[in-house]
Amino acid sequence: MTTVYYSPHMTSLDNELGRASGHADVPLSERGLLEAGELARHYAHCAIDAVFCSDLQRASRTAELAFSSRDVPIIRDARLRECDYGILAQYPSAEVHARLLGHLAEPFPGGESLTAAVERVGDVLRDALRSWGGKTLVIIGHRATRYGLEYWCSGTSLERIVGSPWERREIPIWRYEAAASLLDYHMRGAP
């Protein structure tokens, strides 16, 4: 088994404005920069072999600030990006999140479906398990990243995951156990 810790990127400028960024490359806010330093303290007790993050700056900067003082590789991967909300990028978060269940299989206008975003996360997990199997990894990403980890590591339906309330944690760290056998298949058909 491979232990995978997930943390979302810290607070971005769009988060503070109540906007869903999607693929918009929005920076961390001043608050987010401070939170990333705090995240480093939360992970200080964990032996980490590698950190994977979205290549969008709000995630990659979170990873840099939280792990740059440690001797671990930080691997940026565009497949860990947020779902592409297309023309709804940077629309109010409440409006975009209210539409998520309607875009499990149907792409957002000009964007992608949540199923496609979750497939990308599965591809990253499969590649990571080939190279880092049995190790301890951290993934810094977005909402779609967590949906993907929940889907691939728990076997829960995507509809159920997306339909559940978004869990906020004081210490923003989730732990998953990923077995290669869970990732040896593609999406199981309908979300």
C-alpha atoms as a PDB file:
ATOM      1  CA  MET A   1       0.000   0.000   0.000  1.00  0.00           C
ATOM      2  CA  THR A   2       1.032   3.545  -0.690  1.00  0.00           C
ATOM      3  CA  THR A   3       0.050   6.226   1.800  1.00  0.00           C
ATOM      4  CA  VAL A   4      -1.217   9.373   0.107  1.00  0.00           C
ATOM      5  CA  TYR A   5      -1.864  12.556   2.047  1.00  0.00           C
ATOM      6  CA  TYR A   6      -3.984  15.199   0.355  1.00  0.00           C
ATOM      7  CA  SER A   7      -4.152  18.893   1.142  1.00  0.00           C
ATOM      8  CA  PRO A   8      -5.941  21.548  -0.867  1.00  0.00           C
ATOM      9  CA  HIS A   9      -4.038  24.597  -1.995  1.00  0.00           C
ATOM     10  CA  MET A  10      -4.223  27.337   0.574  1.00  0.00           C
ATOM     11  CA  THR A  11      -6.436  30.420   0.218  1.00  0.00           C
ATOM     12  CA  SER A  12      -6.199  32.083  -3.195  1.00  0.00           C
ATOM     13  CA  LEU A  13      -7.288  35.542  -4.284  1.00  0.00           C
ATOM     14  CA  ASP A  14     -10.343  33.964  -5.946  1.00  0.00           C
ATOM     15  CA  ASN A  15     -11.203  32.093  -2.739  1.00  0.00           C
ATOM     16  CA  GLU A  16     -11.292  35.403  -0.912  1.00  0.00           C
ATOM     17  CA  LEU A  17     -13.565  36.852  -3.610  1.00  0.00           C
ATOM     18  CA  GLY A  18     -15.870  33.798  -3.583  1.00  0.00           C
ATOM     19  CA  ARG A  19     -14.977  32.725  -7.126  1.00  0.00           C
ATOM     20  CA  ALA A  20     -14.399  29.217  -8.509  1.00  0.00           C
ATOM     21  CA  SER A  21     -11.096  29.507 -10.391  1.00  0.00           C
ATOM     22  CA  GLY A  22     -11.149  26.320 -12.466  1.00  0.00           C
ATOM     23  CA  HIS A  23      -8.120  26.495 -14.759  1.00  0.00           C
ATOM     24  CA  ALA A  24      -7.552  30.231 -14.145  1.00  0.00           C
ATOM     25  CA  ASP A  25      -4.026  30.538 -12.740  1.00  0.00           C
ATOM     26  CA  VAL A  26      -4.786  32.597  -9.646  1.00  0.00           C
ATOM     27  CA  PRO A  27      -2.123  33.291  -6.978  1.00  0.00           C
ATOM     28  CA  LEU A  28      -2.351  32.690  -3.272  1.00  0.00           C
ATOM     29  CA  SER A  29      -3.540  35.594  -1.166  1.00  0.00           C
ATOM     30  CA  GLU A  30      -1.473  36.964   1.704  1.00  0.00           C
ATOM     31  CA  ARG A  31      -3.557  34.777   4.005  1.00  0.00           C
ATOM     32  CA  GLY A  32      -2.824  31.758   1.784  1.00  0.00           C
ATOM     33  CA  LEU A  33       0.915  32.388   1.979  1.00  0.00           C
ATOM     34  CA  LEU A  34       0.708  32.309   5.781  1.00  0.00           C
ATOM     35  CA  GLU A  35      -1.462  29.172   5.711  1.00  0.00           C
ATOM     36  CA  ALA A  36       1.106  27.381   3.534  1.00  0.00           C
ATOM     37  CA  GLY A  37       3.721  28.016   6.218  1.00  0.00           C
ATOM     38  CA  GLU A  38       1.336  26.588   8.797  1.00  0.00           C
ATOM     39  CA  LEU A  39       0.756  23.544   6.563  1.00  0.00           C
ATOM     40  CA  ALA A  40       4.508  22.884   6.727  1.00  0.00           C
ATOM     41  CA  ARG A  41       4.217  22.619  10.506  1.00  0.00           C
ATOM     42  CA  HIS A  42       1.319  20.155  10.224  1.00  0.00           C
ATOM     43  CA  TYR A  43       3.384  17.879   7.967  1.00  0.00           C
ATOM     44  CA  ALA A  44       6.595  18.234  10.007  1.00  0.00           C
ATOM     45  CA  HIS A  45       6.039  14.918  11.809  1.00  0.00           C
ATOM     46  CA  CYS A  46       5.384  12.924   8.596  1.00  0.00           C
ATOM     47  CA  ALA A  47       8.083  11.093   6.685  1.00  0.00           C
ATOM     48  CA  ILE A  48       7.359  12.102   3.085  1.00  0.00           C
ATOM     49  CA  ASP A  49       9.023  10.620  -0.003  1.00  0.00           C
ATOM     50  CA  ALA A  50       7.592  12.922  -2.694  1.00  0.00           C
ATOM     51  CA  VAL A  51       5.125  15.756  -3.164  1.00  0.00           C
ATOM     52  CA  PHE A  52       2.891  15.986  -6.227  1.00  0.00           C
ATOM     53  CA  CYS A  53       0.989  19.146  -7.013  1.00  0.00           C
ATOM     54  CA  SER A  54      -1.058  20.825  -9.672  1.00  0.00           C
ATOM     55  CA  ASP A  55       0.971  23.114 -11.904  1.00  0.00           C
ATOM     56  CA  LEU A  56      -1.421  25.998 -11.200  1.00  0.00           C
ATOM     57  CA  GLN A  57       0.378  28.517  -9.022  1.00  0.00           C
ATOM     58  CA  ARG A  58      -2.031  28.392  -6.091  1.00  0.00           C
ATOM     59  CA  ALA A  59      -1.202  24.678  -5.641  1.00  0.00           C
ATOM     60  CA  SER A  60       2.454  24.713  -6.687  1.00  0.00           C
ATOM     61  CA  ARG A  61       3.208  27.695  -4.434  1.00  0.00           C
ATOM     62  CA  THR A  62       1.473  25.946  -1.523  1.00  0.00           C
ATOM     63  CA  ALA A  63       3.704  22.904  -2.114  1.00  0.00           C
ATOM     64  CA  GLU A  64       6.842  25.029  -2.394  1.00  0.00           C
ATOM     65  CA  LEU A  65       6.161  26.921   0.822  1.00  0.00           C
ATOM     66  CA  ALA A  66       5.128  23.828   2.764  1.00  0.00           C
ATOM     67  CA  PHE A  67       7.923  21.496   1.612  1.00  0.00           C
ATOM     68  CA  SER A  68      10.860  23.514   0.230  1.00  0.00           C
ATOM     69  CA  SER A  69      12.811  23.122   3.475  1.00  0.00           C
ATOM     70  CA  ARG A  70      12.623  19.338   3.180  1.00  0.00           C
ATOM     71  CA  ASP A  71      14.709  17.109   0.971  1.00  0.00           C
ATOM     72  CA  VAL A  72      11.805  15.756  -1.096  1.00  0.00           C
ATOM     73  CA  PRO A  73      11.049  16.184  -4.783  1.00  0.00           C
ATOM     74  CA  ILE A  74       8.124  18.433  -5.672  1.00  0.00           C
ATOM     75  CA  ILE A  75       6.549  17.170  -8.884  1.00  0.00           C
ATOM     76  CA  ARG A  76       4.217  19.543 -10.746  1.00  0.00           C
ATOM     77  CA  ASP A  77       1.631  17.832 -12.911  1.00  0.00           C
ATOM     78  CA  ALA A  78      -1.056  19.534 -15.005  1.00  0.00           C
ATOM     79  CA  ARG A  79      -3.245  16.439 -14.610  1.00  0.00           C
ATOM     80  CA  LEU A  80      -3.842  17.498 -10.986  1.00  0.00           C
ATOM     81  CA  ARG A  81      -5.484  20.771 -12.044  1.00  0.00           C
ATOM     82  CA  GLU A  82      -8.947  21.746 -10.922  1.00  0.00           C
ATOM     83  CA  CYS A  83     -11.826  20.750 -13.164  1.00  0.00           C
ATOM     84  CA  ASP A  84     -11.952  22.999 -16.221  1.00  0.00           C
ATOM     85  CA  TYR A  85     -15.120  25.004 -15.665  1.00  0.00           C
ATOM     86  CA  GLY A  86     -14.820  26.502 -19.152  1.00  0.00           C
ATOM     87  CA  ILE A  87     -16.817  29.707 -19.500  1.00  0.00           C
ATOM     88  CA  LEU A  88     -17.785  29.453 -15.820  1.00  0.00           C
ATOM     89  CA  ALA A  89     -14.186  29.877 -14.631  1.00  0.00           C
ATOM     90  CA  GLN A  90     -14.071  32.580 -11.966  1.00  0.00           C
ATOM     91  CA  TYR A  91     -17.852  32.667 -11.636  1.00  0.00           C
ATOM     92  CA  PRO A  92     -19.202  32.760  -8.070  1.00  0.00           C
ATOM     93  CA  SER A  93     -18.254  29.541  -6.268  1.00  0.00           C
ATOM     94  CA  ALA A  94     -21.790  28.942  -5.026  1.00  0.00           C
ATOM     95  CA  GLU A  95     -23.110  29.053  -8.594  1.00  0.00           C
ATOM     96  CA  VAL A  96     -20.457  26.692  -9.975  1.00  0.00           C
ATOM     97  CA  HIS A  97     -20.671  24.257  -7.050  1.00  0.00           C
ATOM     98  CA  ALA A  98     -24.465  24.118  -7.374  1.00  0.00           C
ATOM     99  CA  ARG A  99     -23.952  22.821 -10.931  1.00  0.00           C
ATOM    100  CA  LEU A 100     -21.375  20.109 -10.167  1.00  0.00           C
ATOM    101  CA  LEU A 101     -23.775  17.143 -10.127  1.00  0.00           C
ATOM    102  CA  GLY A 102     -25.058  18.216 -13.545  1.00  0.00           C
ATOM    103  CA  HIS A 103     -21.545  17.973 -14.945  1.00  0.00           C
ATOM    104  CA  LEU A 104     -20.465  14.543 -13.766  1.00  0.00           C
ATOM    105  CA  ALA A 105     -20.483  13.256 -17.351  1.00  0.00           C
ATOM    106  CA  GLU A 106     -21.469  16.356 -19.315  1.00  0.00           C
ATOM    107  CA  PRO A 107     -18.644  18.879 -19.744  1.00  0.00           C
ATOM    108  CA  PHE A 108     -18.999  22.400 -18.450  1.00  0.00           C
ATOM    109  CA  PRO A 109     -19.577  24.685 -21.459  1.00  0.00           C
ATOM    110  CA  GLY A 110     -16.148  25.142 -23.016  1.00  0.00           C
ATOM    111  CA  GLY A 111     -14.578  22.940 -20.316  1.00  0.00           C
ATOM    112  CA  GLU A 112     -14.597  19.357 -19.099  1.00  0.00           C
ATOM    113  CA  SER A 113     -16.718  16.996 -17.025  1.00  0.00           C
ATOM    114  CA  LEU A 114     -15.898  15.981 -13.474  1.00  0.00           C
ATOM    115  CA  THR A 115     -15.447  12.426 -14.735  1.00  0.00           C
ATOM    116  CA  ALA A 116     -12.670  13.645 -17.055  1.00  0.00           C
ATOM    117  CA  ALA A 117     -11.007  15.525 -14.185  1.00  0.00           C
ATOM    118  CA  VAL A 118     -11.206  12.449 -11.930  1.00  0.00           C
ATOM    119  CA  GLU A 119      -9.725  10.309 -14.722  1.00  0.00           C
ATOM    120  CA  ARG A 120      -6.729  12.679 -14.815  1.00  0.00           C
ATOM    121  CA  VAL A 121      -6.201  12.186 -11.072  1.00  0.00           C
ATOM    122  CA  GLY A 122      -6.398   8.416 -11.565  1.00  0.00           C
ATOM    123  CA  ASP A 123      -3.704   8.639 -14.252  1.00  0.00           C
ATOM    124  CA  VAL A 124      -1.423  10.510 -11.829  1.00  0.00           C
ATOM    125  CA  LEU A 125      -2.072   7.937  -9.099  1.00  0.00           C
ATOM    126  CA  ARG A 126      -1.287   5.031 -11.425  1.00  0.00           C
ATOM    127  CA  ASP A 127       1.970   6.694 -12.520  1.00  0.00           C
ATOM    128  CA  ALA A 128       2.895   7.543  -8.920  1.00  0.00           C
ATOM    129  CA  LEU A 129       2.275   3.981  -7.775  1.00  0.00           C
ATOM    130  CA  ARG A 130       4.550   2.669 -10.520  1.00  0.00           C
ATOM    131  CA  SER A 131       7.374   4.968  -9.451  1.00  0.00           C
ATOM    132  CA  TRP A 132       6.681   5.454  -5.735  1.00  0.00           C
ATOM    133  CA  GLY A 133       4.693   2.354  -4.725  1.00  0.00           C
ATOM    134  CA  GLY A 134       4.923   1.565  -1.024  1.00  0.00           C
ATOM    135  CA  LYS A 135       6.137   5.091  -0.231  1.00  0.00           C
ATOM    136  CA  THR A 136       4.427   8.053   1.435  1.00  0.00           C
ATOM    137  CA  LEU A 137       3.264  10.810  -0.891  1.00  0.00           C
ATOM    138  CA  VAL A 138       1.588  14.183  -0.525  1.00  0.00           C
ATOM    139  CA  ILE A 139      -0.722  15.588  -3.184  1.00  0.00           C
ATOM    140  CA  ILE A 140      -1.542  19.312  -3.158  1.00  0.00           C
ATOM    141  CA  GLY A 141      -4.454  20.128  -5.393  1.00  0.00           C
ATOM    142  CA  HIS A 142      -8.000  21.284  -5.771  1.00  0.00           C
ATOM    143  CA  ARG A 143     -11.585  20.129  -5.280  1.00  0.00           C
ATOM    144  CA  ALA A 144     -11.381  17.811  -8.304  1.00  0.00           C
ATOM    145  CA  THR A 145      -8.138  16.345  -6.932  1.00  0.00           C
ATOM    146  CA  ARG A 146      -9.851  15.347  -3.715  1.00  0.00           C
ATOM    147  CA  TYR A 147     -12.832  13.968  -5.627  1.00  0.00           C
ATOM    148  CA  GLY A 148     -10.391  11.835  -7.613  1.00  0.00           C
ATOM    149  CA  LEU A 149      -8.590  10.552  -4.535  1.00  0.00           C
ATOM    150  CA  GLU A 150     -11.892   9.706  -2.847  1.00  0.00           C
ATOM    151  CA  TYR A 151     -13.080   7.921  -5.974  1.00  0.00           C
ATOM    152  CA  TRP A 152      -9.940   5.907  -6.707  1.00  0.00           C
ATOM    153  CA  CYS A 153      -9.047   5.056  -3.107  1.00  0.00           C
ATOM    154  CA  SER A 154     -12.495   4.368  -1.639  1.00  0.00           C
ATOM    155  CA  GLY A 155     -14.474   2.903  -4.504  1.00  0.00           C
ATOM    156  CA  THR A 156     -17.360   5.268  -3.731  1.00  0.00           C
ATOM    157  CA  SER A 157     -19.382   6.494  -6.698  1.00  0.00           C
ATOM    158  CA  LEU A 158     -18.485   9.903  -8.059  1.00  0.00           C
ATOM    159  CA  GLU A 159     -22.110  10.977  -7.765  1.00  0.00           C
ATOM    160  CA  ARG A 160     -22.082  10.217  -4.051  1.00  0.00           C
ATOM    161  CA  ILE A 161     -18.729  11.955  -3.521  1.00  0.00           C
ATOM    162  CA  VAL A 162     -19.767  15.124  -5.363  1.00  0.00           C
ATOM    163  CA  GLY A 163     -23.225  15.087  -3.743  1.00  0.00           C
ATOM    164  CA  SER A 164     -21.774  14.965  -0.221  1.00  0.00           C
ATOM    165  CA  PRO A 165     -21.098  18.225   1.630  1.00  0.00           C
ATOM    166  CA  TRP A 166     -17.566  19.537   1.163  1.00  0.00           C
ATOM    167  CA  GLU A 167     -15.674  18.749   4.351  1.00  0.00           C
ATOM    168  CA  ARG A 168     -13.617  21.544   5.851  1.00  0.00           C
ATOM    169  CA  ARG A 169     -10.932  20.645   8.363  1.00  0.00           C
ATOM    170  CA  GLU A 170      -9.008  22.759  10.829  1.00  0.00           C
ATOM    171  CA  ILE A 171      -5.905  20.829   9.811  1.00  0.00           C
ATOM    172  CA  PRO A 172      -6.402  20.411   6.052  1.00  0.00           C
ATOM    173  CA  ILE A 173      -4.919  16.944   5.626  1.00  0.00           C
ATOM    174  CA  TRP A 174      -6.718  13.817   4.424  1.00  0.00           C
ATOM    175  CA  ARG A 175      -5.063  10.390   4.414  1.00  0.00           C
ATOM    176  CA  TYR A 176      -5.663   7.680   1.815  1.00  0.00           C
ATOM    177  CA  GLU A 177      -4.235   4.238   1.230  1.00  0.00           C
ATOM    178  CA  ALA A 178      -3.777   3.498  -2.461  1.00  0.00           C
ATOM    179  CA  ALA A 179      -3.337  -0.051  -3.686  1.00  0.00           C
ATOM    180  CA  ALA A 180      -2.232  -0.709  -7.240  1.00  0.00           C
ATOM    181  CA  SER A 181      -5.175  -3.105  -7.590  1.00  0.00           C
ATOM    182  CA  LEU A 182      -7.624  -0.224  -7.029  1.00  0.00           C
ATOM    183  CA  LEU A 183      -6.148   1.661  -9.941  1.00  0.00           C
ATOM    184  CA  ASP A 184      -5.775  -1.151 -12.481  1.00  0.00           C
ATOM    185  CA  TYR A 185      -9.055  -0.359 -14.167  1.00  0.00           C
ATOM    186  CA  HIS A 186     -10.577   2.667 -15.837  1.00  0.00           C
ATOM    187  CA  MET A 187     -13.672   4.490 -14.687  1.00  0.00           C
ATOM    188  CA  ARG A 188     -16.419   2.034 -13.895  1.00  0.00           C
ATOM    189  CA  GLY A 189     -18.860   3.433 -16.442  1.00  0.00           C
ATOM    190  CA  ALA A 190     -21.513   5.769 -15.114  1.00  0.00           C
ATOM    191  CA  PRO A 191     -20.421   8.223 -12.439  1.00  0.00           C
END
